[in-house]
Amino acid sequence: MNIENFPLNVELFYLINHARSPILDTFFGYFYLLGKGYVLIPIAFILIVSKNRRWKLFLLSVAVESAAVHLLKFGFDAPRPASMLTDVYLLEPLYHRSFPSGDTAMAFLIASFFFPVSPPLVRVLLWAYAFLIAYGRIYMGVHFPLDVIAGATIGALSYKLCERLVHSKLIGWW
């Protein structure tokens, strides 16, 4: 299903994707790796090994976020920008299942999870990381703005939902 093909979504995509710079190409060519799922492994490992009492909340949030992203990706099967538009600057060759952005969802989950327990400077860095991942997905030509907005929402809401479930004692293994 193509939910991507509306004028504002396409115009914003081109605005960001065509704002080319060799410095940004290089930056996002490496920075996007911090949005991949393997980043979750060292985070979970550190939380578990350090006996952080929030490690179960983190794993539950990741499970909810991942399930939501995958259900939506397979449910909508929305095309990536390069599959439906011409003149796309593509820095990462991806062509299938655009909606929502899983990398953005993960980045916003990480930022949301660590925000409440972080000092002010780290909070700023967390949100800068999340927004740069989101912007980079469009800049690199692999997602539409709608994809990253949906991904950011899924990531943040997955954490908030799990946090409420844990604090309300609806989940008994805490």
C-alpha atoms as a PDB file:
ATOM      1  CA  MET A   1       0.000   0.000   0.000  1.00  0.00           C
ATOM      2  CA  ASN A   2       1.432   3.380  -0.968  1.00  0.00           C
ATOM      3  CA  ILE A   3       0.718   5.826   1.835  1.00  0.00           C
ATOM      4  CA  GLU A   4       3.774   7.894   0.897  1.00  0.00           C
ATOM      5  CA  ASN A   5       2.608   9.581  -2.294  1.00  0.00           C
ATOM      6  CA  PHE A   6       1.190  12.880  -1.114  1.00  0.00           C
ATOM      7  CA  PRO A   7       2.678  16.243  -2.131  1.00  0.00           C
ATOM      8  CA  LEU A   8       3.980  17.492   1.234  1.00  0.00           C
ATOM      9  CA  ASN A   9       5.738  14.200   1.991  1.00  0.00           C
ATOM     10  CA  VAL A  10       7.421  14.133  -1.428  1.00  0.00           C
ATOM     11  CA  GLU A  11       8.338  17.848  -1.352  1.00  0.00           C
ATOM     12  CA  LEU A  12       9.924  17.585   2.105  1.00  0.00           C
ATOM     13  CA  PHE A  13      11.786  14.475   0.983  1.00  0.00           C
ATOM     14  CA  TYR A  14      13.283  16.294  -2.009  1.00  0.00           C
ATOM     15  CA  LEU A  15      14.082  19.373   0.083  1.00  0.00           C
ATOM     16  CA  ILE A  16      16.180  17.306   2.516  1.00  0.00           C
ATOM     17  CA  ASN A  17      17.523  14.722   0.061  1.00  0.00           C
ATOM     18  CA  HIS A  18      18.700  17.365  -2.424  1.00  0.00           C
ATOM     19  CA  ALA A  19      20.471  19.560   0.153  1.00  0.00           C
ATOM     20  CA  ARG A  20      23.743  17.860  -0.750  1.00  0.00           C
ATOM     21  CA  SER A  21      27.104  18.470   0.830  1.00  0.00           C
ATOM     22  CA  PRO A  22      30.261  16.338   0.648  1.00  0.00           C
ATOM     23  CA  ILE A  23      30.698  16.846   4.400  1.00  0.00           C
ATOM     24  CA  LEU A  24      27.152  15.644   5.134  1.00  0.00           C
ATOM     25  CA  ASP A  25      27.533  12.755   2.699  1.00  0.00           C
ATOM     26  CA  THR A  26      30.600  11.603   4.620  1.00  0.00           C
ATOM     27  CA  PHE A  27      29.047  12.276   8.033  1.00  0.00           C
ATOM     28  CA  PHE A  28      25.796  10.404   7.353  1.00  0.00           C
ATOM     29  CA  GLY A  29      27.726   7.708   5.489  1.00  0.00           C
ATOM     30  CA  TYR A  30      29.129   6.706   8.891  1.00  0.00           C
ATOM     31  CA  PHE A  31      26.635   8.113  11.407  1.00  0.00           C
ATOM     32  CA  TYR A  32      23.762   6.012  10.061  1.00  0.00           C
ATOM     33  CA  LEU A  33      25.523   2.947  11.493  1.00  0.00           C
ATOM     34  CA  LEU A  34      24.590   4.225  14.975  1.00  0.00           C
ATOM     35  CA  GLY A  35      20.947   3.748  14.009  1.00  0.00           C
ATOM     36  CA  LYS A  36      21.245   0.051  13.263  1.00  0.00           C
ATOM     37  CA  GLY A  37      19.805  -2.572  15.586  1.00  0.00           C
ATOM     38  CA  TYR A  38      23.158  -3.966  16.641  1.00  0.00           C
ATOM     39  CA  VAL A  39      23.614  -0.814  18.760  1.00  0.00           C
ATOM     40  CA  LEU A  40      21.040  -2.328  21.120  1.00  0.00           C
ATOM     41  CA  ILE A  41      23.323  -5.257  21.985  1.00  0.00           C
ATOM     42  CA  PRO A  42      26.024  -3.313  23.865  1.00  0.00           C
ATOM     43  CA  ILE A  43      23.385  -1.143  25.540  1.00  0.00           C
ATOM     44  CA  ALA A  44      21.462  -4.178  26.803  1.00  0.00           C
ATOM     45  CA  PHE A  45      24.709  -5.906  27.805  1.00  0.00           C
ATOM     46  CA  ILE A  46      25.886  -2.890  29.832  1.00  0.00           C
ATOM     47  CA  LEU A  47      22.484  -2.523  31.526  1.00  0.00           C
ATOM     48  CA  ILE A  48      22.363  -6.211  32.467  1.00  0.00           C
ATOM     49  CA  VAL A  49      25.999  -6.542  33.585  1.00  0.00           C
ATOM     50  CA  SER A  50      25.849  -3.327  35.621  1.00  0.00           C
ATOM     51  CA  LYS A  51      22.717  -4.703  37.312  1.00  0.00           C
ATOM     52  CA  ASN A  52      20.755  -1.629  36.277  1.00  0.00           C
ATOM     53  CA  ARG A  53      17.254  -2.160  37.616  1.00  0.00           C
ATOM     54  CA  ARG A  54      15.786  -0.824  34.339  1.00  0.00           C
ATOM     55  CA  TRP A  55      17.234  -3.518  32.048  1.00  0.00           C
ATOM     56  CA  LYS A  56      13.962  -5.438  31.833  1.00  0.00           C
ATOM     57  CA  LEU A  57      12.134  -2.235  30.944  1.00  0.00           C
ATOM     58  CA  PHE A  58      14.673  -1.630  28.180  1.00  0.00           C
ATOM     59  CA  LEU A  59      14.288  -5.122  26.710  1.00  0.00           C
ATOM     60  CA  LEU A  60      10.495  -4.956  26.915  1.00  0.00           C
ATOM     61  CA  SER A  61      10.501  -1.546  25.210  1.00  0.00           C
ATOM     62  CA  VAL A  62      12.771  -2.842  22.437  1.00  0.00           C
ATOM     63  CA  ALA A  63      10.496  -5.853  21.921  1.00  0.00           C
ATOM     64  CA  VAL A  64       7.383  -3.666  21.670  1.00  0.00           C
ATOM     65  CA  GLU A  65       9.106  -1.180  19.330  1.00  0.00           C
ATOM     66  CA  SER A  66      10.507  -3.933  17.103  1.00  0.00           C
ATOM     67  CA  ALA A  67       7.168  -5.745  16.885  1.00  0.00           C
ATOM     68  CA  ALA A  68       5.315  -2.537  16.022  1.00  0.00           C
ATOM     69  CA  VAL A  69       7.835  -1.559  13.325  1.00  0.00           C
ATOM     70  CA  HIS A  70       7.850  -5.008  11.722  1.00  0.00           C
ATOM     71  CA  LEU A  71       4.065  -5.376  11.785  1.00  0.00           C
ATOM     72  CA  LEU A  72       3.658  -1.993  10.110  1.00  0.00           C
ATOM     73  CA  LYS A  73       6.450  -2.606   7.576  1.00  0.00           C
ATOM     74  CA  PHE A  74       4.890  -5.877   6.443  1.00  0.00           C
ATOM     75  CA  GLY A  75       1.326  -4.591   6.777  1.00  0.00           C
ATOM     76  CA  PHE A  76       1.846  -1.519   4.606  1.00  0.00           C
ATOM     77  CA  ASP A  77       4.755  -2.726   2.409  1.00  0.00           C
ATOM     78  CA  ALA A  78       5.244   0.914   1.375  1.00  0.00           C
ATOM     79  CA  PRO A  79       7.819   1.620  -1.332  1.00  0.00           C
ATOM     80  CA  ARG A  80      11.076   3.383  -0.559  1.00  0.00           C
ATOM     81  CA  PRO A  81      11.720   6.742  -2.223  1.00  0.00           C
ATOM     82  CA  ALA A  82      14.068   5.309  -4.880  1.00  0.00           C
ATOM     83  CA  SER A  83      11.377   2.800  -5.887  1.00  0.00           C
ATOM     84  CA  MET A  84       8.811   5.459  -6.731  1.00  0.00           C
ATOM     85  CA  LEU A  85      10.628   8.739  -7.402  1.00  0.00           C
ATOM     86  CA  THR A  86      13.201   9.897  -9.883  1.00  0.00           C
ATOM     87  CA  ASP A  87      16.268  11.926  -9.022  1.00  0.00           C
ATOM     88  CA  VAL A  88      16.865  10.425  -5.565  1.00  0.00           C
ATOM     89  CA  TYR A  89      20.334  10.690  -4.046  1.00  0.00           C
ATOM     90  CA  LEU A  90      20.722   7.247  -2.542  1.00  0.00           C
ATOM     91  CA  LEU A  91      23.590   6.664  -0.106  1.00  0.00           C
ATOM     92  CA  GLU A  92      22.289   3.328   1.185  1.00  0.00           C
ATOM     93  CA  PRO A  93      20.736   1.024  -1.436  1.00  0.00           C
ATOM     94  CA  LEU A  94      17.343   0.090   0.005  1.00  0.00           C
ATOM     95  CA  TYR A  95      14.202  -0.396  -2.057  1.00  0.00           C
ATOM     96  CA  HIS A  96      11.494  -2.224  -0.071  1.00  0.00           C
ATOM     97  CA  ARG A  97       9.351  -1.596   3.003  1.00  0.00           C
ATOM     98  CA  SER A  98       9.801   2.050   3.818  1.00  0.00           C
ATOM     99  CA  PHE A  99       7.088   2.720   6.417  1.00  0.00           C
ATOM    100  CA  PRO A 100       7.955   3.214   9.273  1.00  0.00           C
ATOM    101  CA  SER A 101      11.657   3.907   9.822  1.00  0.00           C
ATOM    102  CA  GLY A 102      12.986   1.241  12.172  1.00  0.00           C
ATOM    103  CA  ASP A 103      16.291   3.055  12.685  1.00  0.00           C
ATOM    104  CA  THR A 104      14.445   6.204  13.737  1.00  0.00           C
ATOM    105  CA  ALA A 105      12.163   4.215  16.040  1.00  0.00           C
ATOM    106  CA  MET A 106      15.181   2.654  17.732  1.00  0.00           C
ATOM    107  CA  ALA A 107      16.988   5.990  18.111  1.00  0.00           C
ATOM    108  CA  PHE A 108      13.936   7.644  19.692  1.00  0.00           C
ATOM    109  CA  LEU A 109      13.434   4.637  21.966  1.00  0.00           C
ATOM    110  CA  ILE A 110      17.036   4.950  23.185  1.00  0.00           C
ATOM    111  CA  ALA A 111      16.690   8.713  23.700  1.00  0.00           C
ATOM    112  CA  SER A 112      13.360   8.296  25.523  1.00  0.00           C
ATOM    113  CA  PHE A 113      14.682   5.496  27.724  1.00  0.00           C
ATOM    114  CA  PHE A 114      17.805   7.317  28.907  1.00  0.00           C
ATOM    115  CA  PHE A 115      16.284  10.816  29.086  1.00  0.00           C
ATOM    116  CA  PRO A 116      14.743  10.522  32.602  1.00  0.00           C
ATOM    117  CA  VAL A 117      17.988   9.353  34.201  1.00  0.00           C
ATOM    118  CA  SER A 118      20.460  11.567  32.331  1.00  0.00           C
ATOM    119  CA  PRO A 119      22.020  14.934  33.181  1.00  0.00           C
ATOM    120  CA  PRO A 120      21.017  17.930  31.014  1.00  0.00           C
ATOM    121  CA  LEU A 121      23.945  17.779  28.586  1.00  0.00           C
ATOM    122  CA  VAL A 122      23.421  14.065  27.945  1.00  0.00           C
ATOM    123  CA  ARG A 123      19.717  14.732  27.363  1.00  0.00           C
ATOM    124  CA  VAL A 124      20.599  17.225  24.642  1.00  0.00           C
ATOM    125  CA  LEU A 125      23.010  14.727  23.083  1.00  0.00           C
ATOM    126  CA  LEU A 126      20.385  11.960  23.182  1.00  0.00           C
ATOM    127  CA  TRP A 127      17.845  14.058  21.293  1.00  0.00           C
ATOM    128  CA  ALA A 128      20.513  15.321  18.870  1.00  0.00           C
ATOM    129  CA  TYR A 129      21.414  11.675  18.160  1.00  0.00           C
ATOM    130  CA  ALA A 130      17.764  10.714  17.589  1.00  0.00           C
ATOM    131  CA  PHE A 131      16.989  13.684  15.346  1.00  0.00           C
ATOM    132  CA  LEU A 132      20.201  13.206  13.336  1.00  0.00           C
ATOM    133  CA  ILE A 133      19.321   9.562  12.735  1.00  0.00           C
ATOM    134  CA  ALA A 134      15.843  10.634  11.553  1.00  0.00           C
ATOM    135  CA  TYR A 135      17.161  13.425   9.331  1.00  0.00           C
ATOM    136  CA  GLY A 136      19.883  11.155   7.984  1.00  0.00           C
ATOM    137  CA  ARG A 137      17.380   8.519   6.856  1.00  0.00           C
ATOM    138  CA  ILE A 138      15.773  11.130   4.575  1.00  0.00           C
ATOM    139  CA  TYR A 139      19.091  12.706   3.569  1.00  0.00           C
ATOM    140  CA  MET A 140      20.423   9.276   2.558  1.00  0.00           C
ATOM    141  CA  GLY A 141      17.365   8.716   0.359  1.00  0.00           C
ATOM    142  CA  VAL A 142      15.929   5.670   2.124  1.00  0.00           C
ATOM    143  CA  HIS A 143      12.906   7.134   3.936  1.00  0.00           C
ATOM    144  CA  PHE A 144      10.211   9.718   3.485  1.00  0.00           C
ATOM    145  CA  PRO A 145       9.463  12.268   6.232  1.00  0.00           C
ATOM    146  CA  LEU A 146       6.277  10.353   7.091  1.00  0.00           C
ATOM    147  CA  ASP A 147       8.391   7.250   7.752  1.00  0.00           C
ATOM    148  CA  VAL A 148      10.676   8.999  10.227  1.00  0.00           C
ATOM    149  CA  ILE A 149       7.797  10.785  11.976  1.00  0.00           C
ATOM    150  CA  ALA A 150       6.042   7.438  12.419  1.00  0.00           C
ATOM    151  CA  GLY A 151       9.300   5.800  13.547  1.00  0.00           C
ATOM    152  CA  ALA A 152      10.000   8.538  16.102  1.00  0.00           C
ATOM    153  CA  THR A 153       6.470   8.228  17.450  1.00  0.00           C
ATOM    154  CA  ILE A 154       6.686   4.437  17.699  1.00  0.00           C
ATOM    155  CA  GLY A 155      10.046   4.581  19.481  1.00  0.00           C
ATOM    156  CA  ALA A 156       8.997   7.154  22.064  1.00  0.00           C
ATOM    157  CA  LEU A 157       5.558   5.642  22.641  1.00  0.00           C
ATOM    158  CA  SER A 158       6.940   2.110  22.977  1.00  0.00           C
ATOM    159  CA  TYR A 159       9.082   3.237  25.874  1.00  0.00           C
ATOM    160  CA  LYS A 160       6.277   5.284  27.502  1.00  0.00           C
ATOM    161  CA  LEU A 161       3.783   2.416  27.173  1.00  0.00           C
ATOM    162  CA  CYS A 162       6.178  -0.105  28.719  1.00  0.00           C
ATOM    163  CA  GLU A 163       7.149   2.323  31.470  1.00  0.00           C
ATOM    164  CA  ARG A 164       3.477   2.769  32.400  1.00  0.00           C
ATOM    165  CA  LEU A 165       2.861  -0.983  32.326  1.00  0.00           C
ATOM    166  CA  VAL A 166       5.812  -1.583  34.626  1.00  0.00           C
ATOM    167  CA  HIS A 167       4.900   1.205  37.062  1.00  0.00           C
ATOM    168  CA  SER A 168       1.250   0.182  37.166  1.00  0.00           C
ATOM    169  CA  LYS A 169       2.314  -3.368  38.126  1.00  0.00           C
ATOM    170  CA  LEU A 170       0.352  -4.842  35.209  1.00  0.00           C
ATOM    171  CA  ILE A 171       3.431  -6.906  34.437  1.00  0.00           C
ATOM    172  CA  GLY A 172       4.181  -9.208  37.350  1.00  0.00           C
ATOM    173  CA  TRP A 173       7.800 -10.191  36.683  1.00  0.00           C
ATOM    174  CA  TRP A 174       9.226  -6.843  37.747  1.00  0.00           C
END
